[in-house]
Amino acid sequence: QEEIFGPVLSVLTFDTAEEAIQIANDTPYGLAAAVWTANLSKAHLTARALRAGSVWVNQYDGGDMTAPFGGFKQSGNGRDKSLHAFDKYTELKSTWIKL
């Protein structure tokens, strides 16, 4: 139940997709997850149910600078990369000048 920074592949057994999702979500962390399946419908359902900031299907560590990156739960602090991170690196200021 500790957050591991890898690359690390955890292999666990399960009987149903619902059980796999429950196992994956049973942690205080949620940075990333991956799903391997040939069934696109099952991939979408599983990705939607996983409490992780990034979910990769049939790959790992894909993405680019235009996609937000960050975790759920105790993983991460907001979003980095993309316009979703803009507020993290800026401060709004109003300046009034009368000439």
PDB file of N, CA and C in Angstrom:
ATOM      1  N   GLN A   1       0.812  -1.195   0.000  1.00  0.00           N
ATOM      2  CA  GLN A   1       0.000   0.000   0.000  1.00  0.00           C
ATOM      3  C   GLN A   1       0.856   1.261   0.000  1.00  0.00           C
ATOM      4  N   GLU A   2       2.055   1.191  -0.567  1.00  0.00           N
ATOM      5  CA  GLU A   2       2.891   2.371  -0.708  1.00  0.00           C
ATOM      6  C   GLU A   2       3.023   2.728  -2.173  1.00  0.00           C
ATOM      7  N   GLU A   3       3.209   4.028  -2.433  1.00  0.00           N
ATOM      8  CA  GLU A   3       3.353   4.476  -3.813  1.00  0.00           C
ATOM      9  C   GLU A   3       4.748   4.120  -4.309  1.00  0.00           C
ATOM     10  N   ILE A   4       4.794   3.456  -5.446  1.00  0.00           N
ATOM     11  CA  ILE A   4       6.057   3.005  -6.026  1.00  0.00           C
ATOM     12  C   ILE A   4       6.307   3.791  -7.300  1.00  0.00           C
ATOM     13  N   PHE A   5       7.507   4.359  -7.414  1.00  0.00           N
ATOM     14  CA  PHE A   5       7.887   5.020  -8.655  1.00  0.00           C
ATOM     15  C   PHE A   5       8.824   4.083  -9.386  1.00  0.00           C
ATOM     16  N   GLY A   6       8.495   3.769 -10.622  1.00  0.00           N
ATOM     17  CA  GLY A   6       9.140   2.686 -11.336  1.00  0.00           C
ATOM     18  C   GLY A   6       9.980   3.108 -12.496  1.00  0.00           C
ATOM     19  N   PRO A   7      10.016   2.315 -13.491  1.00  0.00           N
ATOM     20  CA  PRO A   7       8.930   1.422 -13.913  1.00  0.00           C
ATOM     21  C   PRO A   7       8.861   0.135 -13.089  1.00  0.00           C
ATOM     22  N   VAL A   8       7.652  -0.182 -12.689  1.00  0.00           N
ATOM     23  CA  VAL A   8       7.377  -1.398 -11.934  1.00  0.00           C
ATOM     24  C   VAL A   8       6.098  -2.006 -12.488  1.00  0.00           C
ATOM     25  N   LEU A   9       6.088  -3.302 -12.651  1.00  0.00           N
ATOM     26  CA  LEU A   9       4.887  -4.002 -13.087  1.00  0.00           C
ATOM     27  C   LEU A   9       4.435  -4.902 -11.951  1.00  0.00           C
ATOM     28  N   SER A  10       3.259  -4.636 -11.423  1.00  0.00           N
ATOM     29  CA  SER A  10       2.670  -5.490 -10.392  1.00  0.00           C
ATOM     30  C   SER A  10       1.748  -6.487 -11.072  1.00  0.00           C
ATOM     31  N   VAL A  11       1.898  -7.749 -10.744  1.00  0.00           N
ATOM     32  CA  VAL A  11       1.061  -8.799 -11.323  1.00  0.00           C
ATOM     33  C   VAL A  11       0.254  -9.429 -10.192  1.00  0.00           C
ATOM     34  N   LEU A  12      -1.065  -9.290 -10.272  1.00  0.00           N
ATOM     35  CA  LEU A  12      -1.973  -9.847  -9.279  1.00  0.00           C
ATOM     36  C   LEU A  12      -3.027 -10.668  -9.997  1.00  0.00           C
ATOM     37  N   THR A  13      -3.548 -11.670  -9.331  1.00  0.00           N
ATOM     38  CA  THR A  13      -4.593 -12.491  -9.944  1.00  0.00           C
ATOM     39  C   THR A  13      -5.972 -11.966  -9.535  1.00  0.00           C
ATOM     40  N   PHE A  14      -6.943 -12.182 -10.419  1.00  0.00           N
ATOM     41  CA  PHE A  14      -8.320 -11.792 -10.147  1.00  0.00           C
ATOM     42  C   PHE A  14      -9.219 -12.667 -11.006  1.00  0.00           C
ATOM     43  N   ASP A  15     -10.497 -12.740 -10.639  1.00  0.00           N
ATOM     44  CA  ASP A  15     -11.450 -13.563 -11.379  1.00  0.00           C
ATOM     45  C   ASP A  15     -12.362 -12.754 -12.296  1.00  0.00           C
ATOM     46  N   THR A  16     -12.641 -11.501 -11.935  1.00  0.00           N
ATOM     47  CA  THR A  16     -13.534 -10.674 -12.751  1.00  0.00           C
ATOM     48  C   THR A  16     -12.923  -9.284 -12.919  1.00  0.00           C
ATOM     49  N   ALA A  17     -13.399  -8.553 -13.913  1.00  0.00           N
ATOM     50  CA  ALA A  17     -12.940  -7.176 -14.113  1.00  0.00           C
ATOM     51  C   ALA A  17     -13.302  -6.318 -12.902  1.00  0.00           C
ATOM     52  N   GLU A  18     -14.464  -6.547 -12.325  1.00  0.00           N
ATOM     53  CA  GLU A  18     -14.886  -5.786 -11.156  1.00  0.00           C
ATOM     54  C   GLU A  18     -13.924  -6.000  -9.990  1.00  0.00           C
ATOM     55  N   GLU A  19     -13.467  -7.234  -9.806  1.00  0.00           N
ATOM     56  CA  GLU A  19     -12.510  -7.521  -8.740  1.00  0.00           C
ATOM     57  C   GLU A  19     -11.174  -6.834  -9.021  1.00  0.00           C
ATOM     58  N   ALA A  20     -10.732  -6.836 -10.266  1.00  0.00           N
ATOM     59  CA  ALA A  20      -9.476  -6.173 -10.630  1.00  0.00           C
ATOM     60  C   ALA A  20      -9.561  -4.673 -10.351  1.00  0.00           C
ATOM     61  N   ILE A  21     -10.689  -4.068 -10.682  1.00  0.00           N
ATOM     62  CA  ILE A  21     -10.882  -2.635 -10.429  1.00  0.00           C
ATOM     63  C   ILE A  21     -10.868  -2.357  -8.934  1.00  0.00           C
ATOM     64  N   GLN A  22     -11.533  -3.201  -8.156  1.00  0.00           N
ATOM     65  CA  GLN A  22     -11.563  -3.021  -6.705  1.00  0.00           C
ATOM     66  C   GLN A  22     -10.155  -3.118  -6.127  1.00  0.00           C
ATOM     67  N   ILE A  23      -9.366  -4.076  -6.578  1.00  0.00           N
ATOM     68  CA  ILE A  23      -7.985  -4.227  -6.105  1.00  0.00           C
ATOM     69  C   ILE A  23      -7.164  -2.990  -6.478  1.00  0.00           C
ATOM     70  N   ALA A  24      -7.297  -2.542  -7.712  1.00  0.00           N
ATOM     71  CA  ALA A  24      -6.520  -1.390  -8.181  1.00  0.00           C
ATOM     72  C   ALA A  24      -6.897  -0.109  -7.440  1.00  0.00           C
ATOM     73  N   ASN A  25      -8.159   0.044  -7.106  1.00  0.00           N
ATOM     74  CA  ASN A  25      -8.619   1.262  -6.433  1.00  0.00           C
ATOM     75  C   ASN A  25      -8.426   1.224  -4.923  1.00  0.00           C
ATOM     76  N   ASP A  26      -8.065   0.070  -4.372  1.00  0.00           N
ATOM     77  CA  ASP A  26      -7.914  -0.099  -2.927  1.00  0.00           C
ATOM     78  C   ASP A  26      -6.533   0.372  -2.470  1.00  0.00           C
ATOM     79  N   THR A  27      -6.257   1.630  -2.695  1.00  0.00           N
ATOM     80  CA  THR A  27      -4.994   2.241  -2.307  1.00  0.00           C
ATOM     81  C   THR A  27      -5.231   3.737  -2.145  1.00  0.00           C
ATOM     82  N   PRO A  28      -4.462   4.397  -1.294  1.00  0.00           N
ATOM     83  CA  PRO A  28      -4.632   5.844  -1.164  1.00  0.00           C
ATOM     84  C   PRO A  28      -4.018   6.622  -2.327  1.00  0.00           C
ATOM     85  N   TYR A  29      -3.399   5.921  -3.262  1.00  0.00           N
ATOM     86  CA  TYR A  29      -2.712   6.577  -4.377  1.00  0.00           C
ATOM     87  C   TYR A  29      -3.443   6.333  -5.691  1.00  0.00           C
ATOM     88  N   GLY A  30      -3.180   7.176  -6.665  1.00  0.00           N
ATOM     89  CA  GLY A  30      -3.847   7.018  -7.953  1.00  0.00           C
ATOM     90  C   GLY A  30      -3.171   7.819  -9.052  1.00  0.00           C
ATOM     91  N   LEU A  31      -1.860   7.656  -9.191  1.00  0.00           N
ATOM     92  CA  LEU A  31      -1.156   8.415 -10.219  1.00  0.00           C
ATOM     93  C   LEU A  31      -1.466   7.881 -11.606  1.00  0.00           C
ATOM     94  N   ALA A  32      -1.288   6.570 -11.806  1.00  0.00           N
ATOM     95  CA  ALA A  32      -1.469   6.009 -13.145  1.00  0.00           C
ATOM     96  C   ALA A  32      -1.868   4.543 -13.055  1.00  0.00           C
ATOM     97  N   ALA A  33      -2.474   4.065 -14.133  1.00  0.00           N
ATOM     98  CA  ALA A  33      -2.865   2.657 -14.235  1.00  0.00           C
ATOM     99  C   ALA A  33      -2.797   2.256 -15.699  1.00  0.00           C
ATOM    100  N   ALA A  34      -2.737   0.970 -15.933  1.00  0.00           N
ATOM    101  CA  ALA A  34      -2.716   0.463 -17.304  1.00  0.00           C
ATOM    102  C   ALA A  34      -3.624  -0.753 -17.397  1.00  0.00           C
ATOM    103  N   VAL A  35      -4.234  -0.907 -18.566  1.00  0.00           N
ATOM    104  CA  VAL A  35      -5.149  -2.011 -18.832  1.00  0.00           C
ATOM    105  C   VAL A  35      -4.715  -2.670 -20.130  1.00  0.00           C
ATOM    106  N   TRP A  36      -4.640  -3.985 -20.122  1.00  0.00           N
ATOM    107  CA  TRP A  36      -4.350  -4.721 -21.353  1.00  0.00           C
ATOM    108  C   TRP A  36      -5.565  -5.571 -21.698  1.00  0.00           C
ATOM    109  N   THR A  37      -6.154  -5.301 -22.862  1.00  0.00           N
ATOM    110  CA  THR A  37      -7.323  -6.050 -23.320  1.00  0.00           C
ATOM    111  C   THR A  37      -7.502  -5.850 -24.819  1.00  0.00           C
ATOM    112  N   ALA A  38      -8.104  -6.827 -25.464  1.00  0.00           N
ATOM    113  CA  ALA A  38      -8.452  -6.704 -26.884  1.00  0.00           C
ATOM    114  C   ALA A  38      -9.870  -6.173 -27.055  1.00  0.00           C
ATOM    115  N   ASN A  39     -10.608  -6.050 -25.954  1.00  0.00           N
ATOM    116  CA  ASN A  39     -12.001  -5.625 -25.981  1.00  0.00           C
ATOM    117  C   ASN A  39     -12.086  -4.125 -25.691  1.00  0.00           C
ATOM    118  N   LEU A  40     -12.361  -3.315 -26.712  1.00  0.00           N
ATOM    119  CA  LEU A  40     -12.386  -1.864 -26.556  1.00  0.00           C
ATOM    120  C   LEU A  40     -13.465  -1.403 -25.583  1.00  0.00           C
ATOM    121  N   SER A  41     -14.617  -2.042 -25.596  1.00  0.00           N
ATOM    122  CA  SER A  41     -15.688  -1.686 -24.670  1.00  0.00           C
ATOM    123  C   SER A  41     -15.246  -1.915 -23.227  1.00  0.00           C
ATOM    124  N   LYS A  42     -14.608  -3.049 -22.976  1.00  0.00           N
ATOM    125  CA  LYS A  42     -14.108  -3.359 -21.636  1.00  0.00           C
ATOM    126  C   LYS A  42     -13.010  -2.370 -21.233  1.00  0.00           C
ATOM    127  N   ALA A  43     -12.194  -1.950 -22.197  1.00  0.00           N
ATOM    128  CA  ALA A  43     -11.140  -0.968 -21.916  1.00  0.00           C
ATOM    129  C   ALA A  43     -11.748   0.349 -21.445  1.00  0.00           C
ATOM    130  N   HIS A  44     -12.783   0.829 -22.138  1.00  0.00           N
ATOM    131  CA  HIS A  44     -13.434   2.083 -21.752  1.00  0.00           C
ATOM    132  C   HIS A  44     -14.091   1.971 -20.380  1.00  0.00           C
ATOM    133  N   LEU A  45     -14.803   0.890 -20.134  1.00  0.00           N
ATOM    134  CA  LEU A  45     -15.470   0.701 -18.845  1.00  0.00           C
ATOM    135  C   LEU A  45     -14.461   0.641 -17.708  1.00  0.00           C
ATOM    136  N   THR A  46     -13.367  -0.076 -17.919  1.00  0.00           N
ATOM    137  CA  THR A  46     -12.349  -0.213 -16.883  1.00  0.00           C
ATOM    138  C   THR A  46     -11.638   1.111 -16.643  1.00  0.00           C
ATOM    139  N   ALA A  47     -11.254   1.798 -17.705  1.00  0.00           N
ATOM    140  CA  ALA A  47     -10.574   3.089 -17.559  1.00  0.00           C
ATOM    141  C   ALA A  47     -11.447   4.083 -16.802  1.00  0.00           C
ATOM    142  N   ARG A  48     -12.729   4.092 -17.087  1.00  0.00           N
ATOM    143  CA  ARG A  48     -13.658   4.993 -16.407  1.00  0.00           C
ATOM    144  C   ARG A  48     -13.747   4.661 -14.914  1.00  0.00           C
ATOM    145  N   ALA A  49     -13.668   3.397 -14.554  1.00  0.00           N
ATOM    146  CA  ALA A  49     -13.832   2.974 -13.164  1.00  0.00           C
ATOM    147  C   ALA A  49     -12.560   3.119 -12.333  1.00  0.00           C
ATOM    148  N   LEU A  50     -11.404   3.137 -12.975  1.00  0.00           N
ATOM    149  CA  LEU A  50     -10.146   3.241 -12.238  1.00  0.00           C
ATOM    150  C   LEU A  50      -9.951   4.657 -11.712  1.00  0.00           C
ATOM    151  N   ARG A  51      -9.588   4.780 -10.440  1.00  0.00           N
ATOM    152  CA  ARG A  51      -9.353   6.085  -9.813  1.00  0.00           C
ATOM    153  C   ARG A  51      -7.878   6.439  -9.950  1.00  0.00           C
ATOM    154  N   ALA A  52      -7.486   6.782 -11.180  1.00  0.00           N
ATOM    155  CA  ALA A  52      -6.104   7.157 -11.480  1.00  0.00           C
ATOM    156  C   ALA A  52      -6.114   8.351 -12.424  1.00  0.00           C
ATOM    157  N   GLY A  53      -5.108   9.195 -12.302  1.00  0.00           N
ATOM    158  CA  GLY A  53      -5.032  10.389 -13.128  1.00  0.00           C
ATOM    159  C   GLY A  53      -4.761  10.108 -14.588  1.00  0.00           C
ATOM    160  N   SER A  54      -4.052   9.036 -14.874  1.00  0.00           N
ATOM    161  CA  SER A  54      -3.791   8.598 -16.250  1.00  0.00           C
ATOM    162  C   SER A  54      -4.062   7.110 -16.341  1.00  0.00           C
ATOM    163  N   VAL A  55      -4.740   6.706 -17.389  1.00  0.00           N
ATOM    164  CA  VAL A  55      -4.959   5.280 -17.649  1.00  0.00           C
ATOM    165  C   VAL A  55      -4.524   5.010 -19.078  1.00  0.00           C
ATOM    166  N   TRP A  56      -3.601   4.088 -19.237  1.00  0.00           N
ATOM    167  CA  TRP A  56      -3.132   3.685 -20.561  1.00  0.00           C
ATOM    168  C   TRP A  56      -3.736   2.338 -20.908  1.00  0.00           C
ATOM    169  N   VAL A  57      -4.100   2.164 -22.160  1.00  0.00           N
ATOM    170  CA  VAL A  57      -4.669   0.901 -22.628  1.00  0.00           C
ATOM    171  C   VAL A  57      -3.719   0.304 -23.647  1.00  0.00           C
ATOM    172  N   ASN A  58      -3.271  -0.911 -23.373  1.00  0.00           N
ATOM    173  CA  ASN A  58      -2.358  -1.666 -24.244  1.00  0.00           C
ATOM    174  C   ASN A  58      -1.056  -0.920 -24.509  1.00  0.00           C
ATOM    175  N   GLN A  59      -0.646  -0.094 -23.572  1.00  0.00           N
ATOM    176  CA  GLN A  59       0.632   0.619 -23.649  1.00  0.00           C
ATOM    177  C   GLN A  59       0.936   1.166 -22.265  1.00  0.00           C
ATOM    178  N   TYR A  60       2.084   1.762 -22.124  1.00  0.00           N
ATOM    179  CA  TYR A  60       2.405   2.415 -20.867  1.00  0.00           C
ATOM    180  C   TYR A  60       3.221   3.668 -21.142  1.00  0.00           C
ATOM    181  N   ASP A  61       2.922   4.733 -20.433  1.00  0.00           N
ATOM    182  CA  ASP A  61       3.663   5.989 -20.477  1.00  0.00           C
ATOM    183  C   ASP A  61       3.500   6.728 -21.792  1.00  0.00           C
ATOM    184  N   GLY A  62       2.333   6.599 -22.430  1.00  0.00           N
ATOM    185  CA  GLY A  62       2.056   7.371 -23.633  1.00  0.00           C
ATOM    186  C   GLY A  62       1.551   8.754 -23.262  1.00  0.00           C
ATOM    187  N   GLY A  63       1.535   9.652 -24.205  1.00  0.00           N
ATOM    188  CA  GLY A  63       1.023  10.992 -23.968  1.00  0.00           C
ATOM    189  C   GLY A  63       1.941  12.039 -24.558  1.00  0.00           C
ATOM    190  N   ASP A  64       1.546  13.290 -24.417  1.00  0.00           N
ATOM    191  CA  ASP A  64       2.371  14.392 -24.899  1.00  0.00           C
ATOM    192  C   ASP A  64       2.123  15.625 -24.038  1.00  0.00           C
ATOM    193  N   MET A  65       2.785  16.716 -24.363  1.00  0.00           N
ATOM    194  CA  MET A  65       2.715  17.931 -23.548  1.00  0.00           C
ATOM    195  C   MET A  65       1.350  18.618 -23.581  1.00  0.00           C
ATOM    196  N   THR A  66       0.491  18.258 -24.518  1.00  0.00           N
ATOM    197  CA  THR A  66      -0.826  18.898 -24.572  1.00  0.00           C
ATOM    198  C   THR A  66      -1.849  18.194 -23.695  1.00  0.00           C
ATOM    199  N   ALA A  67      -1.486  17.055 -23.134  1.00  0.00           N
ATOM    200  CA  ALA A  67      -2.400  16.300 -22.277  1.00  0.00           C
ATOM    201  C   ALA A  67      -2.053  16.561 -20.814  1.00  0.00           C
ATOM    202  N   PRO A  68      -3.050  16.836 -19.966  1.00  0.00           N
ATOM    203  CA  PRO A  68      -2.755  17.071 -18.557  1.00  0.00           C
ATOM    204  C   PRO A  68      -2.236  15.804 -17.887  1.00  0.00           C
ATOM    205  N   PHE A  69      -1.354  15.982 -16.897  1.00  0.00           N
ATOM    206  CA  PHE A  69      -0.814  14.850 -16.159  1.00  0.00           C
ATOM    207  C   PHE A  69      -0.918  15.147 -14.676  1.00  0.00           C
ATOM    208  N   GLY A  70      -1.421  14.198 -13.918  1.00  0.00           N
ATOM    209  CA  GLY A  70      -1.518  14.327 -12.475  1.00  0.00           C
ATOM    210  C   GLY A  70      -2.312  13.168 -11.922  1.00  0.00           C
ATOM    211  N   GLY A  71      -2.273  13.013 -10.620  1.00  0.00           N
ATOM    212  CA  GLY A  71      -2.901  11.855 -10.010  1.00  0.00           C
ATOM    213  C   GLY A  71      -4.194  12.164  -9.285  1.00  0.00           C
ATOM    214  N   PHE A  72      -4.834  11.111  -8.826  1.00  0.00           N
ATOM    215  CA  PHE A  72      -6.011  11.194  -7.971  1.00  0.00           C
ATOM    216  C   PHE A  72      -5.556  10.875  -6.546  1.00  0.00           C
ATOM    217  N   LYS A  73      -6.421  11.118  -5.613  1.00  0.00           N
ATOM    218  CA  LYS A  73      -6.214  10.790  -4.204  1.00  0.00           C
ATOM    219  C   LYS A  73      -4.918  11.433  -3.703  1.00  0.00           C
ATOM    220  N   GLN A  74      -4.022  10.671  -3.069  1.00  0.00           N
ATOM    221  CA  GLN A  74      -2.806  11.243  -2.498  1.00  0.00           C
ATOM    222  C   GLN A  74      -1.656  11.333  -3.506  1.00  0.00           C
ATOM    223  N   SER A  75      -1.910  11.033  -4.747  1.00  0.00           N
ATOM    224  CA  SER A  75      -0.870  11.122  -5.781  1.00  0.00           C
ATOM    225  C   SER A  75      -0.977  12.454  -6.506  1.00  0.00           C
ATOM    226  N   GLY A  76       0.024  13.237  -6.388  1.00  0.00           N
ATOM    227  CA  GLY A  76       0.058  14.475  -7.149  1.00  0.00           C
ATOM    228  C   GLY A  76      -0.605  15.639  -6.446  1.00  0.00           C
ATOM    229  N   ASN A  77      -0.427  16.789  -7.064  1.00  0.00           N
ATOM    230  CA  ASN A  77      -0.956  18.026  -6.525  1.00  0.00           C
ATOM    231  C   ASN A  77      -1.494  18.831  -7.696  1.00  0.00           C
ATOM    232  N   GLY A  78      -2.675  18.524  -8.145  1.00  0.00           N
ATOM    233  CA  GLY A  78      -3.241  19.197  -9.301  1.00  0.00           C
ATOM    234  C   GLY A  78      -2.778  18.549 -10.599  1.00  0.00           C
ATOM    235  N   ARG A  79      -2.764  19.347 -11.658  1.00  0.00           N
ATOM    236  CA  ARG A  79      -2.386  18.852 -12.981  1.00  0.00           C
ATOM    237  C   ARG A  79      -1.176  19.609 -13.478  1.00  0.00           C
ATOM    238  N   ASP A  80      -0.295  18.905 -14.147  1.00  0.00           N
ATOM    239  CA  ASP A  80       0.859  19.514 -14.786  1.00  0.00           C
ATOM    240  C   ASP A  80       0.740  19.282 -16.285  1.00  0.00           C
ATOM    241  N   LYS A  81       1.456  20.025 -17.048  1.00  0.00           N
ATOM    242  CA  LYS A  81       1.405  19.987 -18.510  1.00  0.00           C
ATOM    243  C   LYS A  81       0.041  20.498 -18.993  1.00  0.00           C
ATOM    244  N   SER A  82      -0.025  20.998 -20.162  1.00  0.00           N
ATOM    245  CA  SER A  82      -1.237  21.489 -20.828  1.00  0.00           C
ATOM    246  C   SER A  82      -1.768  22.770 -20.177  1.00  0.00           C
ATOM    247  N   LEU A  83      -2.846  23.292 -20.721  1.00  0.00           N
ATOM    248  CA  LEU A  83      -3.464  24.500 -20.170  1.00  0.00           C
ATOM    249  C   LEU A  83      -4.037  24.285 -18.775  1.00  0.00           C
ATOM    250  N   HIS A  84      -4.256  23.031 -18.372  1.00  0.00           N
ATOM    251  CA  HIS A  84      -4.782  22.746 -17.038  1.00  0.00           C
ATOM    252  C   HIS A  84      -3.773  23.102 -15.952  1.00  0.00           C
ATOM    253  N   ALA A  85      -2.514  23.283 -16.305  1.00  0.00           N
ATOM    254  CA  ALA A  85      -1.477  23.647 -15.342  1.00  0.00           C
ATOM    255  C   ALA A  85      -1.197  25.146 -15.330  1.00  0.00           C
ATOM    256  N   PHE A  86      -1.828  25.897 -16.211  1.00  0.00           N
ATOM    257  CA  PHE A  86      -1.530  27.320 -16.352  1.00  0.00           C
ATOM    258  C   PHE A  86      -1.651  28.064 -15.025  1.00  0.00           C
ATOM    259  N   ASP A  87      -2.744  27.869 -14.298  1.00  0.00           N
ATOM    260  CA  ASP A  87      -2.953  28.575 -13.032  1.00  0.00           C
ATOM    261  C   ASP A  87      -1.913  28.211 -11.979  1.00  0.00           C
ATOM    262  N   LYS A  88      -1.341  27.033 -12.082  1.00  0.00           N
ATOM    263  CA  LYS A  88      -0.335  26.590 -11.120  1.00  0.00           C
ATOM    264  C   LYS A  88       0.934  27.438 -11.209  1.00  0.00           C
ATOM    265  N   TYR A  89       1.217  27.963 -12.387  1.00  0.00           N
ATOM    266  CA  TYR A  89       2.469  28.680 -12.616  1.00  0.00           C
ATOM    267  C   TYR A  89       2.280  30.182 -12.799  1.00  0.00           C
ATOM    268  N   THR A  90       1.082  30.688 -12.586  1.00  0.00           N
ATOM    269  CA  THR A  90       0.823  32.115 -12.769  1.00  0.00           C
ATOM    270  C   THR A  90       0.023  32.664 -11.600  1.00  0.00           C
ATOM    271  N   GLU A  91       0.054  33.985 -11.455  1.00  0.00           N
ATOM    272  CA  GLU A  91      -0.782  34.664 -10.478  1.00  0.00           C
ATOM    273  C   GLU A  91      -1.512  35.782 -11.192  1.00  0.00           C
ATOM    274  N   LEU A  92      -2.775  35.908 -10.914  1.00  0.00           N
ATOM    275  CA  LEU A  92      -3.594  36.945 -11.522  1.00  0.00           C
ATOM    276  C   LEU A  92      -3.397  38.250 -10.759  1.00  0.00           C
ATOM    277  N   LYS A  93      -3.172  39.325 -11.494  1.00  0.00           N
ATOM    278  CA  LYS A  93      -2.984  40.628 -10.870  1.00  0.00           C
ATOM    279  C   LYS A  93      -3.767  41.674 -11.652  1.00  0.00           C
ATOM    280  N   SER A  94      -4.445  42.563 -10.926  1.00  0.00           N
ATOM    281  CA  SER A  94      -5.116  43.714 -11.538  1.00  0.00           C
ATOM    282  C   SER A  94      -4.299  44.956 -11.215  1.00  0.00           C
ATOM    283  N   THR A  95      -4.062  45.769 -12.213  1.00  0.00           N
ATOM    284  CA  THR A  95      -3.331  47.024 -12.029  1.00  0.00           C
ATOM    285  C   THR A  95      -4.174  48.152 -12.597  1.00  0.00           C
ATOM    286  N   TRP A  96      -4.463  49.161 -11.780  1.00  0.00           N
ATOM    287  CA  TRP A  96      -5.286  50.294 -12.188  1.00  0.00           C
ATOM    288  C   TRP A  96      -4.402  51.534 -12.253  1.00  0.00           C
ATOM    289  N   ILE A  97      -4.370  52.183 -13.396  1.00  0.00           N
ATOM    290  CA  ILE A  97      -3.541  53.375 -13.583  1.00  0.00           C
ATOM    291  C   ILE A  97      -4.403  54.488 -14.161  1.00  0.00           C
ATOM    292  N   LYS A  98      -4.356  55.641 -13.524  1.00  0.00           N
ATOM    293  CA  LYS A  98      -5.053  56.817 -14.048  1.00  0.00           C
ATOM    294  C   LYS A  98      -3.987  57.834 -14.431  1.00  0.00           C
ATOM    295  N   LEU A  99      -4.020  58.265 -15.677  1.00  0.00           N
ATOM    296  CA  LEU A  99      -3.028  59.226 -16.163  1.00  0.00           C
ATOM    297  C   LEU A  99      -3.638  60.584 -16.349  1.00  0.00           C
TER     298      LEU A  99
END
